[in-house]
C-alpha atoms as a PDB file:
ATOM      1  CA  MET A   1      41.099 189.308 177.836  1.00  0.00           C
ATOM      2  CA  LYS A   2      38.807 191.167 180.460  1.00  0.00           C
ATOM      3  CA  ILE A   3      38.072 188.901 183.566  1.00  0.00           C
ATOM      4  CA  ALA A   4      34.897 189.648 185.780  1.00  0.00           C
ATOM      5  CA  ILE A   5      34.687 189.312 189.456  1.00  0.00           C
ATOM      6  CA  MET A   6      31.799 189.043 191.049  1.00  0.00           C
ATOM      7  CA  GLY A   7      30.220 189.040 194.589  1.00  0.00           C
ATOM      8  CA  ALA A   8      26.623 188.557 195.843  1.00  0.00           C
ATOM      9  CA  MET A   9      26.981 191.878 198.314  1.00  0.00           C
ATOM     10  CA  PRO A  10      28.560 195.580 198.046  1.00  0.00           C
ATOM     11  CA  GLU A  11      30.465 194.337 201.204  1.00  0.00           C
ATOM     12  CA  GLU A  12      32.524 191.510 199.211  1.00  0.00           C
ATOM     13  CA  ILE A  13      33.424 193.895 196.446  1.00  0.00           C
ATOM     14  CA  GLU A  14      34.298 196.718 198.021  1.00  0.00           C
ATOM     15  CA  PRO A  15      38.123 195.593 199.000  1.00  0.00           C
ATOM     16  CA  LEU A  16      38.375 195.101 195.377  1.00  0.00           C
ATOM     17  CA  ILE A  17      36.893 198.236 194.150  1.00  0.00           C
ATOM     18  CA  GLU A  18      39.600 199.773 196.185  1.00  0.00           C
ATOM     19  CA  LYS A  19      42.647 198.134 194.594  1.00  0.00           C
ATOM     20  CA  LEU A  20      41.724 199.065 191.036  1.00  0.00           C
ATOM     21  CA  GLU A  21      43.010 202.243 188.986  1.00  0.00           C
ATOM     22  CA  ASN A  22      41.325 204.106 186.038  1.00  0.00           C
ATOM     23  CA  VAL A  23      37.759 202.758 187.494  1.00  0.00           C
ATOM     24  CA  THR A  24      34.655 203.871 185.284  1.00  0.00           C
ATOM     25  CA  THR A  25      31.157 203.013 186.890  1.00  0.00           C
ATOM     26  CA  THR A  26      28.018 202.014 184.448  1.00  0.00           C
ATOM     27  CA  ILE A  27      24.634 201.483 185.203  1.00  0.00           C
ATOM     28  CA  TYR A  28      23.032 198.671 183.849  1.00  0.00           C
ATOM     29  CA  ALA A  29      20.110 196.824 184.192  1.00  0.00           C
ATOM     30  CA  LYS A  30      19.372 198.512 187.846  1.00  0.00           C
ATOM     31  CA  ASN A  31      22.698 197.177 188.946  1.00  0.00           C
ATOM     32  CA  LYS A  32      26.182 198.748 189.004  1.00  0.00           C
ATOM     33  CA  TYR A  33      29.247 197.349 187.302  1.00  0.00           C
ATOM     34  CA  TYR A  34      33.119 198.816 187.669  1.00  0.00           C
ATOM     35  CA  GLU A  35      35.656 198.560 185.046  1.00  0.00           C
ATOM     36  CA  GLY A  36      39.211 199.009 186.100  1.00  0.00           C
ATOM     37  CA  THR A  37      42.607 197.899 185.736  1.00  0.00           C
ATOM     38  CA  TYR A  38      44.613 195.887 188.096  1.00  0.00           C
ATOM     39  CA  ASN A  39      48.102 195.615 187.499  1.00  0.00           C
ATOM     40  CA  GLY A  40      47.473 196.481 183.615  1.00  0.00           C
ATOM     41  CA  GLN A  41      45.019 193.869 183.277  1.00  0.00           C
ATOM     42  CA  GLU A  42      41.204 194.778 182.617  1.00  0.00           C
ATOM     43  CA  VAL A  43      38.613 193.607 184.875  1.00  0.00           C
ATOM     44  CA  VAL A  44      34.884 194.354 185.620  1.00  0.00           C
ATOM     45  CA  VAL A  45      33.386 194.244 189.408  1.00  0.00           C
ATOM     46  CA  ALA A  46      30.345 193.821 190.238  1.00  0.00           C
ATOM     47  CA  TYR A  47      27.942 192.574 193.085  1.00  0.00           C
ATOM     48  CA  SER A  48      24.903 190.853 191.971  1.00  0.00           C
ATOM     49  CA  LYS A  49      22.434 190.869 194.905  1.00  0.00           C
ATOM     50  CA  ILE A  50      21.333 187.656 197.074  1.00  0.00           C
ATOM     51  CA  GLY A  51      19.922 184.837 195.299  1.00  0.00           C
ATOM     52  CA  LYS A  52      20.259 182.404 191.983  1.00  0.00           C
ATOM     53  CA  VAL A  53      18.160 184.938 189.985  1.00  0.00           C
ATOM     54  CA  PHE A  54      19.980 188.318 190.314  1.00  0.00           C
ATOM     55  CA  ALA A  55      23.706 186.232 190.071  1.00  0.00           C
ATOM     56  CA  ALA A  56      22.398 184.901 186.403  1.00  0.00           C
ATOM     57  CA  LEU A  57      21.487 188.162 185.556  1.00  0.00           C
ATOM     58  CA  THR A  58      24.959 189.795 186.424  1.00  0.00           C
ATOM     59  CA  ALA A  59      27.174 187.021 184.878  1.00  0.00           C
ATOM     60  CA  THR A  60      25.328 186.951 181.766  1.00  0.00           C
ATOM     61  CA  ILE A  61      25.606 190.785 181.754  1.00  0.00           C
ATOM     62  CA  LEU A  62      29.610 190.670 182.626  1.00  0.00           C
ATOM     63  CA  ILE A  63      29.747 187.982 179.901  1.00  0.00           C
ATOM     64  CA  GLU A  64      27.451 189.151 177.075  1.00  0.00           C
ATOM     65  CA  LYS A  65      27.789 193.334 177.511  1.00  0.00           C
ATOM     66  CA  PHE A  66      31.157 193.455 178.765  1.00  0.00           C
ATOM     67  CA  GLY A  67      32.665 190.685 177.165  1.00  0.00           C
ATOM     68  CA  CYS A  68      34.565 189.073 180.081  1.00  0.00           C
ATOM     69  CA  GLU A  69      36.078 185.876 179.060  1.00  0.00           C
ATOM     70  CA  GLN A  70      36.653 184.476 182.650  1.00  0.00           C
ATOM     71  CA  LEU A  71      34.508 184.715 185.472  1.00  0.00           C
ATOM     72  CA  LEU A  72      35.844 184.470 189.683  1.00  0.00           C
ATOM     73  CA  PHE A  73      33.590 184.701 192.326  1.00  0.00           C
ATOM     74  CA  SER A  74      33.960 185.347 195.881  1.00  0.00           C
ATOM     75  CA  GLY A  75      31.526 185.165 198.690  1.00  0.00           C
ATOM     76  CA  VAL A  76      30.938 183.397 202.111  1.00  0.00           C
ATOM     77  CA  ALA A  77      29.157 180.298 202.389  1.00  0.00           C
ATOM     78  CA  GLY A  78      27.251 177.813 205.454  1.00  0.00           C
ATOM     79  CA  ALA A  79      29.065 174.492 206.057  1.00  0.00           C
ATOM     80  CA  ILE A  80      27.519 171.097 205.489  1.00  0.00           C
ATOM     81  CA  SER A  81      31.047 169.222 205.992  1.00  0.00           C
ATOM     82  CA  ASP A  82      32.017 168.544 209.820  1.00  0.00           C
ATOM     83  CA  ASP A  83      35.599 169.455 208.412  1.00  0.00           C
ATOM     84  CA  LEU A  84      34.508 172.613 207.383  1.00  0.00           C
ATOM     85  CA  LYS A  85      35.101 175.443 210.084  1.00  0.00           C
ATOM     86  CA  ILE A  86      34.299 179.295 209.951  1.00  0.00           C
ATOM     87  CA  GLY A  87      36.620 181.168 208.558  1.00  0.00           C
ATOM     88  CA  ASP A  88      38.049 178.442 206.222  1.00  0.00           C
ATOM     89  CA  LEU A  89      38.256 179.110 202.318  1.00  0.00           C
ATOM     90  CA  ILE A  90      36.702 176.638 200.356  1.00  0.00           C
ATOM     91  CA  ILE A  91      36.888 176.368 195.954  1.00  0.00           C
ATOM     92  CA  ALA A  92      33.948 174.500 194.522  1.00  0.00           C
ATOM     93  CA  ASP A  93      35.257 171.804 191.975  1.00  0.00           C
ATOM     94  CA  GLY A  94      31.373 171.571 191.046  1.00  0.00           C
ATOM     95  CA  LEU A  95      28.156 173.243 192.196  1.00  0.00           C
ATOM     96  CA  CYS A  96      24.295 172.136 192.354  1.00  0.00           C
ATOM     97  CA  GLN A  97      21.208 173.460 192.740  1.00  0.00           C
ATOM     98  CA  HIS A  98      19.860 171.596 196.012  1.00  0.00           C
ATOM     99  CA  ASP A  99      16.306 173.755 196.031  1.00  0.00           C
ATOM    100  CA  LEU A 100      15.854 172.512 191.957  1.00  0.00           C
ATOM    101  CA  ASP A 101      13.152 169.301 192.820  1.00  0.00           C
ATOM    102  CA  ILE A 102      11.245 168.081 189.896  1.00  0.00           C
ATOM    103  CA  THR A 103      11.529 164.342 191.220  1.00  0.00           C
ATOM    104  CA  ALA A 104       7.465 164.067 190.627  1.00  0.00           C
ATOM    105  CA  PHE A 105       8.679 163.350 187.207  1.00  0.00           C
ATOM    106  CA  GLY A 106      10.977 160.689 187.873  1.00  0.00           C
ATOM    107  CA  HIS A 107      14.209 163.154 187.805  1.00  0.00           C
ATOM    108  CA  PRO A 108      16.737 162.978 190.113  1.00  0.00           C
ATOM    109  CA  HIS A 109      16.968 166.301 192.589  1.00  0.00           C
ATOM    110  CA  GLY A 110      18.636 169.101 191.048  1.00  0.00           C
ATOM    111  CA  TYR A 111      18.062 167.821 187.523  1.00  0.00           C
ATOM    112  CA  VAL A 112      16.023 169.493 184.799  1.00  0.00           C
ATOM    113  CA  PRO A 113      16.053 167.952 181.327  1.00  0.00           C
ATOM    114  CA  GLU A 114      19.111 169.205 178.720  1.00  0.00           C
ATOM    115  CA  GLY A 115      21.047 170.193 182.066  1.00  0.00           C
ATOM    116  CA  GLU A 116      23.194 168.711 184.657  1.00  0.00           C
ATOM    117  CA  VAL A 117      22.613 168.220 188.277  1.00  0.00           C
ATOM    118  CA  CYS A 118      26.328 169.193 188.882  1.00  0.00           C
ATOM    119  CA  ILE A 119      28.449 171.632 186.906  1.00  0.00           C
ATOM    120  CA  ALA A 120      32.583 171.571 187.192  1.00  0.00           C
ATOM    121  CA  SER A 121      34.128 174.809 187.923  1.00  0.00           C
ATOM    122  CA  ASP A 122      37.020 175.134 185.837  1.00  0.00           C
ATOM    123  CA  SER A 123      40.043 172.887 186.419  1.00  0.00           C
ATOM    124  CA  TYR A 124      42.774 175.460 185.415  1.00  0.00           C
ATOM    125  CA  LEU A 125      41.421 178.338 187.877  1.00  0.00           C
ATOM    126  CA  ARG A 126      41.149 175.855 190.536  1.00  0.00           C
ATOM    127  CA  GLN A 127      45.090 175.036 190.121  1.00  0.00           C
ATOM    128  CA  ILE A 128      45.832 178.708 189.921  1.00  0.00           C
ATOM    129  CA  ALA A 129      44.255 179.068 193.365  1.00  0.00           C
ATOM    130  CA  LYS A 130      46.172 176.129 194.818  1.00  0.00           C
ATOM    131  CA  ARG A 131      48.939 177.581 193.798  1.00  0.00           C
ATOM    132  CA  VAL A 132      48.126 181.025 195.079  1.00  0.00           C
ATOM    133  CA  ALA A 133      46.941 179.390 198.645  1.00  0.00           C
ATOM    134  CA  GLN A 134      50.232 177.455 198.702  1.00  0.00           C
ATOM    135  CA  ARG A 135      52.066 180.685 197.995  1.00  0.00           C
ATOM    136  CA  LYS A 136      50.293 182.540 201.169  1.00  0.00           C
ATOM    137  CA  SER A 137      50.437 179.503 203.014  1.00  0.00           C
ATOM    138  CA  ILE A 138      46.615 179.282 203.280  1.00  0.00           C
ATOM    139  CA  SER A 139      44.623 176.096 203.530  1.00  0.00           C
ATOM    140  CA  LEU A 140      42.103 175.751 200.971  1.00  0.00           C
ATOM    141  CA  LYS A 141      39.451 172.827 200.967  1.00  0.00           C
ATOM    142  CA  GLU A 142      38.135 171.931 197.814  1.00  0.00           C
ATOM    143  CA  GLY A 143      34.508 170.016 197.229  1.00  0.00           C
ATOM    144  CA  VAL A 144      30.932 170.157 196.103  1.00  0.00           C
ATOM    145  CA  ILE A 145      28.992 173.546 196.656  1.00  0.00           C
ATOM    146  CA  ALA A 146      25.182 173.789 196.911  1.00  0.00           C
ATOM    147  CA  THR A 147      23.339 176.829 195.719  1.00  0.00           C
ATOM    148  CA  GLY A 148      19.684 177.251 196.493  1.00  0.00           C
ATOM    149  CA  ASP A 149      17.055 180.702 196.966  1.00  0.00           C
ATOM    150  CA  GLN A 150      16.948 180.228 201.134  1.00  0.00           C
ATOM    151  CA  PHE A 151      19.124 180.602 203.739  1.00  0.00           C
ATOM    152  CA  VAL A 152      19.345 176.704 205.369  1.00  0.00           C
ATOM    153  CA  ALA A 153      19.468 177.182 209.187  1.00  0.00           C
ATOM    154  CA  ASP A 154      17.535 173.580 209.850  1.00  0.00           C
ATOM    155  CA  PRO A 155      20.204 170.775 210.929  1.00  0.00           C
ATOM    156  CA  GLU A 156      18.280 167.803 208.846  1.00  0.00           C
ATOM    157  CA  ARG A 157      17.998 170.064 205.964  1.00  0.00           C
ATOM    158  CA  LYS A 158      21.974 170.706 205.571  1.00  0.00           C
ATOM    159  CA  ALA A 159      22.631 166.895 206.282  1.00  0.00           C
ATOM    160  CA  TRP A 160      19.853 166.114 203.540  1.00  0.00           C
ATOM    161  CA  ILE A 161      21.550 168.392 201.190  1.00  0.00           C
ATOM    162  CA  GLY A 162      24.995 167.234 202.177  1.00  0.00           C
ATOM    163  CA  LYS A 163      23.647 163.044 201.632  1.00  0.00           C
ATOM    164  CA  THR A 164      21.945 164.031 198.489  1.00  0.00           C
ATOM    165  CA  PHE A 165      24.366 165.721 196.540  1.00  0.00           C
ATOM    166  CA  ASN A 166      27.826 164.942 198.398  1.00  0.00           C
ATOM    167  CA  ALA A 167      28.234 168.563 199.472  1.00  0.00           C
ATOM    168  CA  ASP A 168      30.384 170.529 201.915  1.00  0.00           C
ATOM    169  CA  ALA A 169      29.149 173.962 201.915  1.00  0.00           C
ATOM    170  CA  LEU A 170      26.041 175.658 200.545  1.00  0.00           C
ATOM    171  CA  GLU A 171      24.699 179.360 199.707  1.00  0.00           C
ATOM    172  CA  MET A 172      22.677 181.177 197.407  1.00  0.00           C
ATOM    173  CA  GLU A 173      24.603 182.030 193.906  1.00  0.00           C
ATOM    174  CA  GLY A 174      27.054 179.622 192.789  1.00  0.00           C
ATOM    175  CA  ALA A 175      25.323 177.114 190.730  1.00  0.00           C
ATOM    176  CA  SER A 176      23.461 179.813 188.803  1.00  0.00           C
ATOM    177  CA  VAL A 177      26.929 181.245 187.938  1.00  0.00           C
ATOM    178  CA  ALA A 178      27.848 177.892 186.589  1.00  0.00           C
ATOM    179  CA  VAL A 179      24.936 177.416 184.097  1.00  0.00           C
ATOM    180  CA  VAL A 180      25.615 180.977 183.122  1.00  0.00           C
ATOM    181  CA  CYS A 181      29.074 179.883 182.361  1.00  0.00           C
ATOM    182  CA  ASP A 182      28.758 176.702 181.342  1.00  0.00           C
ATOM    183  CA  ALA A 183      26.244 178.076 178.597  1.00  0.00           C
ATOM    184  CA  PHE A 184      28.814 180.337 177.226  1.00  0.00           C
ATOM    185  CA  ASN A 185      31.710 178.081 177.752  1.00  0.00           C
ATOM    186  CA  VAL A 186      33.045 180.910 179.689  1.00  0.00           C
ATOM    187  CA  PRO A 187      35.722 179.387 182.702  1.00  0.00           C
ATOM    188  CA  PHE A 188      34.899 180.353 186.189  1.00  0.00           C
ATOM    189  CA  PHE A 189      36.008 179.957 189.861  1.00  0.00           C
ATOM    190  CA  ILE A 190      34.101 180.108 192.683  1.00  0.00           C
ATOM    191  CA  LEU A 191      35.584 180.826 196.131  1.00  0.00           C
ATOM    192  CA  ARG A 192      33.568 181.011 199.405  1.00  0.00           C
ATOM    193  CA  ALA A 193      34.639 181.857 202.933  1.00  0.00           C
ATOM    194  CA  ILE A 194      32.737 179.574 205.606  1.00  0.00           C
ATOM    195  CA  SER A 195      30.497 182.220 207.953  1.00  0.00           C
ATOM    196  CA  ASP A 196      28.777 179.471 209.864  1.00  0.00           C
ATOM    197  CA  SER A 197      29.178 175.869 211.135  1.00  0.00           C
ATOM    198  CA  ALA A 198      27.353 173.298 213.337  1.00  0.00           C
ATOM    199  CA  ASP A 199      29.751 174.128 215.961  1.00  0.00           C
ATOM    200  CA  MET A 200      29.371 178.115 215.637  1.00  0.00           C
ATOM    201  CA  ASP A 201      29.758 180.625 218.772  1.00  0.00           C
ATOM    202  CA  ALA A 202      26.277 182.194 219.818  1.00  0.00           C
ATOM    203  CA  ASN A 203      28.407 185.431 219.919  1.00  0.00           C
ATOM    204  CA  PHE A 204      29.569 185.157 216.617  1.00  0.00           C
ATOM    205  CA  ASP A 205      29.393 188.690 214.897  1.00  0.00           C
ATOM    206  CA  PHE A 206      28.239 188.031 210.955  1.00  0.00           C
ATOM    207  CA  ASP A 207      29.015 191.773 209.995  1.00  0.00           C
ATOM    208  CA  ALA A 208      32.331 191.537 211.535  1.00  0.00           C
ATOM    209  CA  PHE A 209      33.227 188.585 209.794  1.00  0.00           C
ATOM    210  CA  LEU A 210      31.853 189.651 206.634  1.00  0.00           C
ATOM    211  CA  GLU A 211      33.884 192.798 206.426  1.00  0.00           C
ATOM    212  CA  SER A 212      37.534 190.498 207.172  1.00  0.00           C
ATOM    213  CA  SER A 213      36.559 187.998 205.176  1.00  0.00           C
ATOM    214  CA  ALA A 214      35.722 189.952 202.250  1.00  0.00           C
ATOM    215  CA  LYS A 215      39.162 191.684 202.704  1.00  0.00           C
ATOM    216  CA  THR A 216      40.727 188.004 202.547  1.00  0.00           C
ATOM    217  CA  SER A 217      38.719 186.738 199.914  1.00  0.00           C
ATOM    218  CA  ALA A 218      39.607 190.036 197.571  1.00  0.00           C
ATOM    219  CA  ASP A 219      43.336 189.580 198.614  1.00  0.00           C
ATOM    220  CA  PHE A 220      42.882 185.936 196.827  1.00  0.00           C
ATOM    221  CA  ILE A 221      41.250 186.515 193.797  1.00  0.00           C
ATOM    222  CA  LEU A 222      43.455 189.800 193.332  1.00  0.00           C
ATOM    223  CA  SER A 223      46.391 187.645 193.631  1.00  0.00           C
ATOM    224  CA  MET A 224      44.917 185.156 191.089  1.00  0.00           C
ATOM    225  CA  VAL A 225      44.165 187.719 188.935  1.00  0.00           C
ATOM    226  CA  GLU A 226      48.194 188.506 189.282  1.00  0.00           C
ATOM    227  CA  GLU A 227      48.831 184.696 188.269  1.00  0.00           C
ATOM    228  CA  ILE A 228      46.139 184.544 185.333  1.00  0.00           C
ATOM    229  CA  THR A 229      47.895 187.988 183.842  1.00  0.00           C
ATOM    230  CA  ALA A 230      51.395 186.378 184.349  1.00  0.00           C
ATOM    231  CA  SER A 231      50.385 182.891 182.829  1.00  0.00           C
ATOM    232  CA  ASN A 232      48.786 184.361 179.620  1.00  0.00           C
ATOM    233  CA  GLY A 233      51.866 187.295 179.522  1.00  0.00           C
END
């Protein structure tokens, strides 16, 4: 079994690649894919670039070209819920597209015919994440994550997304990965570190946060790989 690990930006996958053995790089469809092993487990790591289209493309290639049978995604997200603070980790139990709108035809926000408003992530992988969090004494939140092709900074828009989709956080890739994995019947998992919230400090350094959160998330994801490997062994 091969496990795919995705991020949206190079900074989010660099700490992962550093921990792999026997790494080979494949350039395909204007992107790089890093194949290697971690504790004997085959993994393929890639960053998608930002946004739903690139994320869907990368997830599809990881499944179809590289034969990955599970997909783990880690990155950053903005908080909607007041319970989420900068640095918190949240896992998605469901993902929706907040910018998908054909309400003019009588459909709800986030819905297209033959699709779903909210796609559930894999419950088994979420349980593994909770075991890892407990072992590492990490507080792990769980909730709906909303995805859209824009960085949302407007408080009113955030509040609308939260109310409309019962969402706790928002980002720019997760739901498109969910659509692809659901179509191919591939179990998937989404982990996000909160990078901005309603009470964020004006002196907040995003680049420094991204570097530190990427290391934390990489350690968490690789611990999940260990758990998955052990449970399959």
